[in-house]
PDB file of N, CA and C in Angstrom:
ATOM      1  N   GLN A   1     -48.247 -24.453  13.202  1.00  0.00           N
ATOM      2  CA  GLN A   1     -47.030 -23.652  13.292  1.00  0.00           C
ATOM      3  C   GLN A   1     -46.236 -24.083  14.521  1.00  0.00           C
ATOM      4  N   MET A   2     -44.935 -24.231  14.325  1.00  0.00           N
ATOM      5  CA  MET A   2     -44.094 -24.662  15.423  1.00  0.00           C
ATOM      6  C   MET A   2     -43.847 -23.511  16.384  1.00  0.00           C
ATOM      7  N   GLN A   3     -43.931 -23.816  17.679  1.00  0.00           N
ATOM      8  CA  GLN A   3     -43.623 -22.828  18.701  1.00  0.00           C
ATOM      9  C   GLN A   3     -42.778 -23.468  19.777  1.00  0.00           C
ATOM     10  N   PHE A   4     -41.883 -22.686  20.322  1.00  0.00           N
ATOM     11  CA  PHE A   4     -40.976 -23.162  21.346  1.00  0.00           C
ATOM     12  C   PHE A   4     -40.955 -22.177  22.516  1.00  0.00           C
ATOM     13  N   VAL A   5     -41.007 -22.716  23.726  1.00  0.00           N
ATOM     14  CA  VAL A   5     -40.938 -21.885  24.930  1.00  0.00           C
ATOM     15  C   VAL A   5     -39.807 -22.403  25.802  1.00  0.00           C
ATOM     16  N   GLU A   6     -38.739 -21.625  25.863  1.00  0.00           N
ATOM     17  CA  GLU A   6     -37.565 -22.007  26.643  1.00  0.00           C
ATOM     18  C   GLU A   6     -37.627 -21.396  28.037  1.00  0.00           C
ATOM     19  N   SER A   7     -37.068 -22.114  29.010  1.00  0.00           N
ATOM     20  CA  SER A   7     -37.036 -21.617  30.387  1.00  0.00           C
ATOM     21  C   SER A   7     -35.871 -22.254  31.125  1.00  0.00           C
ATOM     22  N   GLY A   8     -35.596 -21.731  32.311  1.00  0.00           N
ATOM     23  CA  GLY A   8     -34.576 -22.331  33.164  1.00  0.00           C
ATOM     24  C   GLY A   8     -33.256 -21.584  33.225  1.00  0.00           C
ATOM     25  N   GLY A   9     -33.124 -20.529  32.432  1.00  0.00           N
ATOM     26  CA  GLY A   9     -31.878 -19.772  32.462  1.00  0.00           C
ATOM     27  C   GLY A   9     -31.761 -18.928  33.713  1.00  0.00           C
ATOM     28  N   GLY A  10     -30.626 -18.252  33.840  1.00  0.00           N
ATOM     29  CA  GLY A  10     -30.400 -17.403  34.987  1.00  0.00           C
ATOM     30  C   GLY A  10     -28.932 -17.061  35.122  1.00  0.00           C
ATOM     31  N   TRP A  11     -28.585 -16.523  36.276  1.00  0.00           N
ATOM     32  CA  TRP A  11     -27.202 -16.172  36.559  1.00  0.00           C
ATOM     33  C   TRP A  11     -26.612 -17.205  37.502  1.00  0.00           C
ATOM     34  N   VAL A  12     -25.416 -17.671  37.175  1.00  0.00           N
ATOM     35  CA  VAL A  12     -24.709 -18.603  38.033  1.00  0.00           C
ATOM     36  C   VAL A  12     -23.240 -18.239  38.057  1.00  0.00           C
ATOM     37  N   GLN A  13     -22.573 -18.644  39.093  1.00  0.00           N
ATOM     38  CA  GLN A  13     -21.124 -18.474  39.176  1.00  0.00           C
ATOM     39  C   GLN A  13     -20.434 -19.579  38.392  1.00  0.00           C
ATOM     40  N   PRO A  14     -19.205 -19.351  37.961  1.00  0.00           N
ATOM     41  CA  PRO A  14     -18.462 -20.423  37.275  1.00  0.00           C
ATOM     42  C   PRO A  14     -18.436 -21.692  38.119  1.00  0.00           C
ATOM     43  N   GLY A  15     -18.647 -22.818  37.451  1.00  0.00           N
ATOM     44  CA  GLY A  15     -18.728 -24.098  38.147  1.00  0.00           C
ATOM     45  C   GLY A  15     -20.138 -24.484  38.530  1.00  0.00           C
ATOM     46  N   GLY A  16     -21.081 -23.569  38.378  1.00  0.00           N
ATOM     47  CA  GLY A  16     -22.464 -23.850  38.741  1.00  0.00           C
ATOM     48  C   GLY A  16     -23.191 -24.664  37.695  1.00  0.00           C
ATOM     49  N   SER A  17     -24.470 -24.931  37.975  1.00  0.00           N
ATOM     50  CA  SER A  17     -25.295 -25.756  37.092  1.00  0.00           C
ATOM     51  C   SER A  17     -26.640 -25.096  36.834  1.00  0.00           C
ATOM     52  N   LEU A  18     -27.182 -25.397  35.696  1.00  0.00           N
ATOM     53  CA  LEU A  18     -28.538 -24.990  35.330  1.00  0.00           C
ATOM     54  C   LEU A  18     -29.166 -26.098  34.496  1.00  0.00           C
ATOM     55  N   ARG A  19     -30.481 -26.176  34.530  1.00  0.00           N
ATOM     56  CA  ARG A  19     -31.198 -27.103  33.664  1.00  0.00           C
ATOM     57  C   ARG A  19     -32.212 -26.325  32.841  1.00  0.00           C
ATOM     58  N   LEU A  20     -32.031 -26.339  31.549  1.00  0.00           N
ATOM     59  CA  LEU A  20     -32.939 -25.648  30.650  1.00  0.00           C
ATOM     60  C   LEU A  20     -34.044 -26.588  30.180  1.00  0.00           C
ATOM     61  N   SER A  21     -35.202 -26.020  29.944  1.00  0.00           N
ATOM     62  CA  SER A  21     -36.334 -26.771  29.405  1.00  0.00           C
ATOM     63  C   SER A  21     -36.881 -26.056  28.189  1.00  0.00           C
ATOM     64  N   CYS A  22     -37.466 -26.822  27.294  1.00  0.00           N
ATOM     65  CA  CYS A  22     -38.085 -26.242  26.108  1.00  0.00           C
ATOM     66  C   CYS A  22     -39.354 -27.021  25.805  1.00  0.00           C
ATOM     67  N   GLU A  23     -40.482 -26.346  25.896  1.00  0.00           N
ATOM     68  CA  GLU A  23     -41.754 -26.950  25.525  1.00  0.00           C
ATOM     69  C   GLU A  23     -42.029 -26.643  24.062  1.00  0.00           C
ATOM     70  N   ALA A  24     -42.312 -27.676  23.303  1.00  0.00           N
ATOM     71  CA  ALA A  24     -42.482 -27.516  21.859  1.00  0.00           C
ATOM     72  C   ALA A  24     -43.890 -27.887  21.444  1.00  0.00           C
ATOM     73  N   SER A  25     -44.478 -27.042  20.638  1.00  0.00           N
ATOM     74  CA  SER A  25     -45.809 -27.342  20.122  1.00  0.00           C
ATOM     75  C   SER A  25     -45.667 -27.979  18.745  1.00  0.00           C
ATOM     76  N   LEU A  26     -45.080 -29.160  18.740  1.00  0.00           N
ATOM     77  CA  LEU A  26     -44.887 -29.918  17.500  1.00  0.00           C
ATOM     78  C   LEU A  26     -45.787 -31.131  17.539  1.00  0.00           C
ATOM     79  N   ARG A  27     -46.601 -31.290  16.522  1.00  0.00           N
ATOM     80  CA  ARG A  27     -47.553 -32.394  16.505  1.00  0.00           C
ATOM     81  C   ARG A  27     -46.849 -33.743  16.588  1.00  0.00           C
ATOM     82  N   PHE A  28     -45.735 -33.877  15.890  1.00  0.00           N
ATOM     83  CA  PHE A  28     -44.992 -35.130  15.884  1.00  0.00           C
ATOM     84  C   PHE A  28     -43.606 -34.922  16.505  1.00  0.00           C
ATOM     85  N   PHE A  29     -43.595 -34.343  17.686  1.00  0.00           N
ATOM     86  CA  PHE A  29     -42.348 -34.030  18.382  1.00  0.00           C
ATOM     87  C   PHE A  29     -41.439 -35.249  18.439  1.00  0.00           C
ATOM     88  N   HIS A  30     -41.996 -36.403  18.725  1.00  0.00           N
ATOM     89  CA  HIS A  30     -41.208 -37.609  18.932  1.00  0.00           C
ATOM     90  C   HIS A  30     -40.433 -38.012  17.679  1.00  0.00           C
ATOM     91  N   ALA A  31     -40.877 -37.562  16.535  1.00  0.00           N
ATOM     92  CA  ALA A  31     -40.260 -37.972  15.275  1.00  0.00           C
ATOM     93  C   ALA A  31     -39.144 -37.040  14.820  1.00  0.00           C
ATOM     94  N   TYR A  32     -39.024 -35.892  15.493  1.00  0.00           N
ATOM     95  CA  TYR A  32     -38.054 -34.898  15.071  1.00  0.00           C
ATOM     96  C   TYR A  32     -36.738 -35.024  15.828  1.00  0.00           C
ATOM     97  N   SER A  33     -35.667 -34.758  15.124  1.00  0.00           N
ATOM     98  CA  SER A  33     -34.391 -34.513  15.774  1.00  0.00           C
ATOM     99  C   SER A  33     -34.413 -33.085  16.280  1.00  0.00           C
ATOM    100  N   MET A  34     -34.072 -32.887  17.546  1.00  0.00           N
ATOM    101  CA  MET A  34     -34.154 -31.575  18.183  1.00  0.00           C
ATOM    102  C   MET A  34     -32.788 -31.128  18.665  1.00  0.00           C
ATOM    103  N   GLY A  35     -32.663 -29.829  18.843  1.00  0.00           N
ATOM    104  CA  GLY A  35     -31.365 -29.332  19.275  1.00  0.00           C
ATOM    105  C   GLY A  35     -31.454 -28.086  20.121  1.00  0.00           C
ATOM    106  N   TRP A  36     -30.372 -27.822  20.820  1.00  0.00           N
ATOM    107  CA  TRP A  36     -30.182 -26.578  21.550  1.00  0.00           C
ATOM    108  C   TRP A  36     -29.180 -25.722  20.784  1.00  0.00           C
ATOM    109  N   PHE A  37     -29.538 -24.470  20.649  1.00  0.00           N
ATOM    110  CA  PHE A  37     -28.705 -23.480  19.991  1.00  0.00           C
ATOM    111  C   PHE A  37     -28.390 -22.385  21.020  1.00  0.00           C
ATOM    112  N   ARG A  38     -27.311 -21.660  20.780  1.00  0.00           N
ATOM    113  CA  ARG A  38     -27.050 -20.516  21.641  1.00  0.00           C
ATOM    114  C   ARG A  38     -26.441 -19.383  20.825  1.00  0.00           C
ATOM    115  N   GLN A  39     -26.699 -18.172  21.308  1.00  0.00           N
ATOM    116  CA  GLN A  39     -26.161 -16.988  20.653  1.00  0.00           C
ATOM    117  C   GLN A  39     -25.517 -16.110  21.706  1.00  0.00           C
ATOM    118  N   ALA A  40     -24.212 -15.997  21.619  1.00  0.00           N
ATOM    119  CA  ALA A  40     -23.470 -15.145  22.535  1.00  0.00           C
ATOM    120  C   ALA A  40     -23.438 -13.719  21.982  1.00  0.00           C
ATOM    121  N   PRO A  41     -23.210 -12.739  22.824  1.00  0.00           N
ATOM    122  CA  PRO A  41     -23.160 -11.352  22.354  1.00  0.00           C
ATOM    123  C   PRO A  41     -22.155 -11.168  21.228  1.00  0.00           C
ATOM    124  N   GLY A  42     -22.616 -10.561  20.138  1.00  0.00           N
ATOM    125  CA  GLY A  42     -21.734 -10.290  19.014  1.00  0.00           C
ATOM    126  C   GLY A  42     -21.423 -11.486  18.140  1.00  0.00           C
ATOM    127  N   LYS A  43     -22.073 -12.610  18.406  1.00  0.00           N
ATOM    128  CA  LYS A  43     -21.804 -13.813  17.614  1.00  0.00           C
ATOM    129  C   LYS A  43     -23.079 -14.341  16.994  1.00  0.00           C
ATOM    130  N   GLU A  44     -22.929 -15.208  16.020  1.00  0.00           N
ATOM    131  CA  GLU A  44     -24.084 -15.811  15.381  1.00  0.00           C
ATOM    132  C   GLU A  44     -24.615 -16.968  16.233  1.00  0.00           C
ATOM    133  N   ARG A  45     -25.877 -17.270  16.038  1.00  0.00           N
ATOM    134  CA  ARG A  45     -26.476 -18.400  16.736  1.00  0.00           C
ATOM    135  C   ARG A  45     -25.870 -19.691  16.206  1.00  0.00           C
ATOM    136  N   GLU A  46     -25.551 -20.622  17.110  1.00  0.00           N
ATOM    137  CA  GLU A  46     -24.917 -21.866  16.711  1.00  0.00           C
ATOM    138  C   GLU A  46     -25.604 -23.055  17.379  1.00  0.00           C
ATOM    139  N   LEU A  47     -25.592 -24.165  16.689  1.00  0.00           N
ATOM    140  CA  LEU A  47     -26.105 -25.415  17.237  1.00  0.00           C
ATOM    141  C   LEU A  47     -25.043 -26.008  18.150  1.00  0.00           C
ATOM    142  N   ILE A  48     -25.404 -26.299  19.406  1.00  0.00           N
ATOM    143  CA  ILE A  48     -24.424 -26.826  20.342  1.00  0.00           C
ATOM    144  C   ILE A  48     -24.691 -28.272  20.736  1.00  0.00           C
ATOM    145  N   SER A  49     -25.908 -28.724  20.585  1.00  0.00           N
ATOM    146  CA  SER A  49     -26.228 -30.090  20.977  1.00  0.00           C
ATOM    147  C   SER A  49     -27.475 -30.538  20.236  1.00  0.00           C
ATOM    148  N   GLN A  50     -27.535 -31.825  19.944  1.00  0.00           N
ATOM    149  CA  GLN A  50     -28.642 -32.375  19.169  1.00  0.00           C
ATOM    150  C   GLN A  50     -28.996 -33.752  19.698  1.00  0.00           C
ATOM    151  N   ILE A  51     -30.277 -34.084  19.663  1.00  0.00           N
ATOM    152  CA  ILE A  51     -30.733 -35.425  20.029  1.00  0.00           C
ATOM    153  C   ILE A  51     -31.688 -35.901  18.949  1.00  0.00           C
ATOM    154  N   THR A  52     -31.428 -37.084  18.436  1.00  0.00           N
ATOM    155  CA  THR A  52     -32.253 -37.603  17.360  1.00  0.00           C
ATOM    156  C   THR A  52     -33.529 -38.236  17.913  1.00  0.00           C
ATOM    157  N   ALA A  53     -34.390 -38.658  16.996  1.00  0.00           N
ATOM    158  CA  ALA A  53     -35.622 -39.335  17.408  1.00  0.00           C
ATOM    159  C   ALA A  53     -35.300 -40.655  18.109  1.00  0.00           C
ATOM    160  N   ASP A  54     -34.130 -41.203  17.840  1.00  0.00           N
ATOM    161  CA  ASP A  54     -33.692 -42.455  18.475  1.00  0.00           C
ATOM    162  C   ASP A  54     -32.834 -42.213  19.699  1.00  0.00           C
ATOM    163  N   ASN A  55     -32.812 -40.951  20.169  1.00  0.00           N
ATOM    164  CA  ASN A  55     -32.060 -40.570  21.375  1.00  0.00           C
ATOM    165  C   ASN A  55     -30.545 -40.679  21.226  1.00  0.00           C
ATOM    166  N   ILE A  56     -30.053 -40.540  20.014  1.00  0.00           N
ATOM    167  CA  ILE A  56     -28.612 -40.426  19.807  1.00  0.00           C
ATOM    168  C   ILE A  56     -28.262 -38.960  19.987  1.00  0.00           C
ATOM    169  N   THR A  57     -27.216 -38.704  20.761  1.00  0.00           N
ATOM    170  CA  THR A  57     -26.885 -37.321  21.113  1.00  0.00           C
ATOM    171  C   THR A  57     -25.562 -36.876  20.507  1.00  0.00           C
ATOM    172  N   TYR A  58     -25.475 -35.574  20.257  1.00  0.00           N
ATOM    173  CA  TYR A  58     -24.274 -34.953  19.706  1.00  0.00           C
ATOM    174  C   TYR A  58     -24.017 -33.657  20.462  1.00  0.00           C
ATOM    175  N   TYR A  59     -22.727 -33.333  20.607  1.00  0.00           N
ATOM    176  CA  TYR A  59     -22.333 -32.101  21.280  1.00  0.00           C
ATOM    177  C   TYR A  59     -21.154 -31.490  20.540  1.00  0.00           C
ATOM    178  N   ILE A  60     -21.063 -30.165  20.610  1.00  0.00           N
ATOM    179  CA  ILE A  60     -19.857 -29.549  20.083  1.00  0.00           C
ATOM    180  C   ILE A  60     -18.709 -29.836  21.037  1.00  0.00           C
ATOM    181  N   THR A  61     -17.518 -29.823  20.519  1.00  0.00           N
ATOM    182  CA  THR A  61     -16.343 -30.252  21.277  1.00  0.00           C
ATOM    183  C   THR A  61     -16.147 -29.446  22.555  1.00  0.00           C
ATOM    184  N   SER A  62     -16.407 -28.158  22.485  1.00  0.00           N
ATOM    185  CA  SER A  62     -16.108 -27.287  23.624  1.00  0.00           C
ATOM    186  C   SER A  62     -16.956 -27.603  24.853  1.00  0.00           C
ATOM    187  N   LEU A  63     -17.993 -28.373  24.697  1.00  0.00           N
ATOM    188  CA  LEU A  63     -18.829 -28.692  25.860  1.00  0.00           C
ATOM    189  C   LEU A  63     -18.168 -29.730  26.751  1.00  0.00           C
ATOM    190  N   LYS A  64     -17.227 -30.496  26.229  1.00  0.00           N
ATOM    191  CA  LYS A  64     -16.358 -31.377  27.009  1.00  0.00           C
ATOM    192  C   LYS A  64     -17.105 -32.255  27.999  1.00  0.00           C
ATOM    193  N   GLY A  65     -18.274 -32.726  27.622  1.00  0.00           N
ATOM    194  CA  GLY A  65     -19.028 -33.602  28.490  1.00  0.00           C
ATOM    195  C   GLY A  65     -19.723 -32.909  29.646  1.00  0.00           C
ATOM    196  N   ARG A  66     -19.725 -31.569  29.647  1.00  0.00           N
ATOM    197  CA  ARG A  66     -20.349 -30.833  30.737  1.00  0.00           C
ATOM    198  C   ARG A  66     -21.859 -30.728  30.599  1.00  0.00           C
ATOM    199  N   PHE A  67     -22.359 -30.838  29.380  1.00  0.00           N
ATOM    200  CA  PHE A  67     -23.783 -30.689  29.104  1.00  0.00           C
ATOM    201  C   PHE A  67     -24.394 -32.039  28.744  1.00  0.00           C
ATOM    202  N   ALA A  68     -25.692 -32.183  29.027  1.00  0.00           N
ATOM    203  CA  ALA A  68     -26.411 -33.401  28.656  1.00  0.00           C
ATOM    204  C   ALA A  68     -27.784 -33.034  28.129  1.00  0.00           C
ATOM    205  N   ILE A  69     -28.057 -33.442  26.911  1.00  0.00           N
ATOM    206  CA  ILE A  69     -29.355 -33.180  26.296  1.00  0.00           C
ATOM    207  C   ILE A  69     -30.252 -34.394  26.481  1.00  0.00           C
ATOM    208  N   SER A  70     -31.536 -34.144  26.680  1.00  0.00           N
ATOM    209  CA  SER A  70     -32.491 -35.238  26.823  1.00  0.00           C
ATOM    210  C   SER A  70     -33.861 -34.752  26.369  1.00  0.00           C
ATOM    211  N   ARG A  71     -34.786 -35.674  26.242  1.00  0.00           N
ATOM    212  CA  ARG A  71     -36.124 -35.320  25.778  1.00  0.00           C
ATOM    213  C   ARG A  71     -37.168 -36.178  26.464  1.00  0.00           C
ATOM    214  N   ASP A  72     -38.352 -35.614  26.617  1.00  0.00           N
ATOM    215  CA  ASP A  72     -39.514 -36.341  27.128  1.00  0.00           C
ATOM    216  C   ASP A  72     -40.600 -36.199  26.063  1.00  0.00           C
ATOM    217  N   ASN A  73     -40.767 -37.223  25.255  1.00  0.00           N
ATOM    218  CA  ASN A  73     -41.708 -37.136  24.136  1.00  0.00           C
ATOM    219  C   ASN A  73     -43.154 -36.997  24.610  1.00  0.00           C
ATOM    220  N   ALA A  74     -43.485 -37.605  25.718  1.00  0.00           N
ATOM    221  CA  ALA A  74     -44.855 -37.504  26.228  1.00  0.00           C
ATOM    222  C   ALA A  74     -45.193 -36.061  26.595  1.00  0.00           C
ATOM    223  N   LYS A  75     -44.213 -35.326  27.086  1.00  0.00           N
ATOM    224  CA  LYS A  75     -44.419 -33.925  27.465  1.00  0.00           C
ATOM    225  C   LYS A  75     -44.019 -32.961  26.354  1.00  0.00           C
ATOM    226  N   LYS A  76     -43.516 -33.500  25.247  1.00  0.00           N
ATOM    227  CA  LYS A  76     -43.031 -32.661  24.143  1.00  0.00           C
ATOM    228  C   LYS A  76     -42.051 -31.610  24.676  1.00  0.00           C
ATOM    229  N   THR A  77     -41.124 -32.069  25.480  1.00  0.00           N
ATOM    230  CA  THR A  77     -40.180 -31.172  26.139  1.00  0.00           C
ATOM    231  C   THR A  77     -38.754 -31.645  25.928  1.00  0.00           C
ATOM    232  N   LEU A  78     -37.905 -30.675  25.656  1.00  0.00           N
ATOM    233  CA  LEU A  78     -36.477 -30.899  25.465  1.00  0.00           C
ATOM    234  C   LEU A  78     -35.753 -30.300  26.671  1.00  0.00           C
ATOM    235  N   TYR A  79     -34.677 -30.952  27.107  1.00  0.00           N
ATOM    236  CA  TYR A  79     -33.928 -30.485  28.272  1.00  0.00           C
ATOM    237  C   TYR A  79     -32.446 -30.331  27.924  1.00  0.00           C
ATOM    238  N   LEU A  80     -31.791 -29.483  28.700  1.00  0.00           N
ATOM    239  CA  LEU A  80     -30.342 -29.371  28.613  1.00  0.00           C
ATOM    240  C   LEU A  80     -29.802 -29.188  30.030  1.00  0.00           C
ATOM    241  N   GLN A  81     -29.160 -30.214  30.541  1.00  0.00           N
ATOM    242  CA  GLN A  81     -28.511 -30.126  31.841  1.00  0.00           C
ATOM    243  C   GLN A  81     -27.114 -29.581  31.613  1.00  0.00           C
ATOM    244  N   MET A  82     -26.809 -28.485  32.277  1.00  0.00           N
ATOM    245  CA  MET A  82     -25.523 -27.822  32.096  1.00  0.00           C
ATOM    246  C   MET A  82     -24.791 -27.791  33.428  1.00  0.00           C
ATOM    247  N   ASP A  83     -23.663 -28.450  33.485  1.00  0.00           N
ATOM    248  CA  ASP A  83     -22.850 -28.506  34.699  1.00  0.00           C
ATOM    249  C   ASP A  83     -21.495 -27.863  34.463  1.00  0.00           C
ATOM    250  N   ASN A  84     -20.849 -27.493  35.565  1.00  0.00           N
ATOM    251  CA  ASN A  84     -19.510 -26.896  35.485  1.00  0.00           C
ATOM    252  C   ASN A  84     -19.483 -25.757  34.461  1.00  0.00           C
ATOM    253  N   LEU A  85     -20.427 -24.872  34.587  1.00  0.00           N
ATOM    254  CA  LEU A  85     -20.561 -23.777  33.630  1.00  0.00           C
ATOM    255  C   LEU A  85     -19.355 -22.856  33.668  1.00  0.00           C
ATOM    256  N   GLU A  86     -19.035 -22.310  32.500  1.00  0.00           N
ATOM    257  CA  GLU A  86     -17.897 -21.407  32.329  1.00  0.00           C
ATOM    258  C   GLU A  86     -18.402 -20.064  31.801  1.00  0.00           C
ATOM    259  N   PRO A  87     -17.645 -18.991  32.046  1.00  0.00           N
ATOM    260  CA  PRO A  87     -18.070 -17.685  31.527  1.00  0.00           C
ATOM    261  C   PRO A  87     -18.333 -17.699  30.021  1.00  0.00           C
ATOM    262  N   GLU A  88     -17.606 -18.553  29.299  1.00  0.00           N
ATOM    263  CA  GLU A  88     -17.788 -18.647  27.839  1.00  0.00           C
ATOM    264  C   GLU A  88     -19.140 -19.233  27.460  1.00  0.00           C
ATOM    265  N   ASP A  89     -19.852 -19.809  28.413  1.00  0.00           N
ATOM    266  CA  ASP A  89     -21.184 -20.345  28.144  1.00  0.00           C
ATOM    267  C   ASP A  89     -22.264 -19.265  28.197  1.00  0.00           C
ATOM    268  N   THR A  90     -21.887 -18.064  28.578  1.00  0.00           N
ATOM    269  CA  THR A  90     -22.856 -16.973  28.628  1.00  0.00           C
ATOM    270  C   THR A  90     -23.425 -16.722  27.249  1.00  0.00           C
ATOM    271  N   ALA A  91     -24.747 -16.828  27.140  1.00  0.00           N
ATOM    272  CA  ALA A  91     -25.426 -16.683  25.848  1.00  0.00           C
ATOM    273  C   ALA A  91     -26.926 -16.794  26.072  1.00  0.00           C
ATOM    274  N   ARG A  92     -27.665 -16.530  25.018  1.00  0.00           N
ATOM    275  CA  ARG A  92     -29.096 -16.798  25.033  1.00  0.00           C
ATOM    276  C   ARG A  92     -29.289 -18.150  24.363  1.00  0.00           C
ATOM    277  N   TYR A  93     -30.033 -19.027  25.012  1.00  0.00           N
ATOM    278  CA  TYR A  93     -30.193 -20.398  24.560  1.00  0.00           C
ATOM    279  C   TYR A  93     -31.591 -20.609  23.976  1.00  0.00           C
ATOM    280  N   TYR A  94     -31.618 -21.307  22.847  1.00  0.00           N
ATOM    281  CA  TYR A  94     -32.856 -21.576  22.123  1.00  0.00           C
ATOM    282  C   TYR A  94     -32.948 -23.054  21.776  1.00  0.00           C
ATOM    283  N   CYS A  95     -34.151 -23.533  21.591  1.00  0.00           N
ATOM    284  CA  CYS A  95     -34.328 -24.874  21.051  1.00  0.00           C
ATOM    285  C   CYS A  95     -35.062 -24.788  19.728  1.00  0.00           C
ATOM    286  N   ASN A  96     -34.892 -25.819  18.925  1.00  0.00           N
ATOM    287  CA  ASN A  96     -35.545 -25.869  17.622  1.00  0.00           C
ATOM    288  C   ASN A  96     -35.254 -27.232  17.021  1.00  0.00           C
ATOM    289  N   ARG A  97     -35.854 -27.511  15.896  1.00  0.00           N
ATOM    290  CA  ARG A  97     -35.483 -28.699  15.156  1.00  0.00           C
ATOM    291  C   ARG A  97     -34.011 -28.576  14.794  1.00  0.00           C
ATOM    292  N   ALA A  98     -33.367 -29.703  14.664  1.00  0.00           N
ATOM    293  CA  ALA A  98     -31.935 -29.695  14.345  1.00  0.00           C
ATOM    294  C   ALA A  98     -31.628 -30.862  13.412  1.00  0.00           C
ATOM    295  N   PRO A  99     -30.639 -30.732  12.539  1.00  0.00           N
ATOM    296  CA  PRO A  99     -29.770 -29.567  12.420  1.00  0.00           C
ATOM    297  C   PRO A  99     -30.358 -28.406  11.616  1.00  0.00           C
ATOM    298  N   SER A 100     -31.507 -28.644  10.978  1.00  0.00           N
ATOM    299  CA  SER A 100     -32.118 -27.577  10.170  1.00  0.00           C
ATOM    300  C   SER A 100     -33.310 -27.005  10.920  1.00  0.00           C
ATOM    301  N   PRO A 101     -33.126 -25.873  11.577  1.00  0.00           N
ATOM    302  CA  PRO A 101     -34.207 -25.323  12.384  1.00  0.00           C
ATOM    303  C   PRO A 101     -35.335 -24.768  11.534  1.00  0.00           C
ATOM    304  N   SER A 102     -36.510 -24.722  12.139  1.00  0.00           N
ATOM    305  CA  SER A 102     -37.627 -24.056  11.492  1.00  0.00           C
ATOM    306  C   SER A 102     -37.418 -22.553  11.598  1.00  0.00           C
ATOM    307  N   THR A 103     -38.208 -21.803  10.858  1.00  0.00           N
ATOM    308  CA  THR A 103     -38.034 -20.353  10.848  1.00  0.00           C
ATOM    309  C   THR A 103     -38.589 -19.692  12.102  1.00  0.00           C
ATOM    310  N   GLY A 104     -39.443 -20.384  12.837  1.00  0.00           N
ATOM    311  CA  GLY A 104     -40.024 -19.801  14.040  1.00  0.00           C
ATOM    312  C   GLY A 104     -39.186 -20.123  15.255  1.00  0.00           C
ATOM    313  N   TRP A 105     -38.636 -19.095  15.885  1.00  0.00           N
ATOM    314  CA  TRP A 105     -37.837 -19.256  17.081  1.00  0.00           C
ATOM    315  C   TRP A 105     -38.603 -18.757  18.303  1.00  0.00           C
ATOM    316  N   GLY A 106     -38.326 -19.356  19.433  1.00  0.00           N
ATOM    317  CA  GLY A 106     -38.878 -18.860  20.684  1.00  0.00           C
ATOM    318  C   GLY A 106     -38.095 -17.661  21.175  1.00  0.00           C
ATOM    319  N   GLN A 107     -38.431 -17.197  22.370  1.00  0.00           N
ATOM    320  CA  GLN A 107     -37.748 -16.051  22.955  1.00  0.00           C
ATOM    321  C   GLN A 107     -36.378 -16.421  23.488  1.00  0.00           C
ATOM    322  N   GLY A 108     -36.173 -17.697  23.726  1.00  0.00           N
ATOM    323  CA  GLY A 108     -34.906 -18.119  24.303  1.00  0.00           C
ATOM    324  C   GLY A 108     -34.878 -17.873  25.803  1.00  0.00           C
ATOM    325  N   THR A 109     -33.807 -18.349  26.425  1.00  0.00           N
ATOM    326  CA  THR A 109     -33.610 -18.117  27.855  1.00  0.00           C
ATOM    327  C   THR A 109     -32.145 -17.724  28.070  1.00  0.00           C
ATOM    328  N   GLN A 110     -31.949 -16.665  28.844  1.00  0.00           N
ATOM    329  CA  GLN A 110     -30.606 -16.117  29.018  1.00  0.00           C
ATOM    330  C   GLN A 110     -29.852 -16.866  30.106  1.00  0.00           C
ATOM    331  N   VAL A 111     -28.626 -17.231  29.791  1.00  0.00           N
ATOM    332  CA  VAL A 111     -27.715 -17.842  30.760  1.00  0.00           C
ATOM    333  C   VAL A 111     -26.512 -16.927  30.913  1.00  0.00           C
ATOM    334  N   THR A 112     -26.247 -16.518  32.137  1.00  0.00           N
ATOM    335  CA  THR A 112     -25.113 -15.652  32.415  1.00  0.00           C
ATOM    336  C   THR A 112     -24.233 -16.315  33.469  1.00  0.00           C
ATOM    337  N   VAL A 113     -22.973 -16.493  33.117  1.00  0.00           N
ATOM    338  CA  VAL A 113     -22.017 -17.136  34.021  1.00  0.00           C
ATOM    339  C   VAL A 113     -20.929 -16.133  34.375  1.00  0.00           C
ATOM    340  N   SER A 114     -20.890 -15.726  35.615  1.00  0.00           N
ATOM    341  CA  SER A 114     -19.884 -14.755  36.045  1.00  0.00           C
ATOM    342  C   SER A 114     -19.679 -14.861  37.546  1.00  0.00           C
ATOM    343  N   ALA A 115     -18.515 -14.413  37.969  1.00  0.00           N
ATOM    344  CA  ALA A 115     -18.191 -14.462  39.407  1.00  0.00           C
ATOM    345  C   ALA A 115     -18.873 -13.338  40.150  1.00  0.00           C
TER     346      ALA A 115
END
């Protein structure tokens, strides 16, 4: 069964940075395309960034190059470096297979951006 443990969230002021981590209990982690999802208050969860098994990366337009996704296959860990954070980035962040996530979600990690 797939399990994900996200960490690294917190409160930051606009313009600040955070680095999220996700430890995945996937037997063949290296073979999966993985992604970061986020769910803002009152909104549906959305895929915001994806990295393929070949390390090709994708981002939604609104991230404007502020975020960087990466992976460490040896550690079965996914990362999201978030710079120049904006209040609109406030959400709970999750990782999962992408673009089609598995049904098992982790607890996520909360990111709050405010002055």
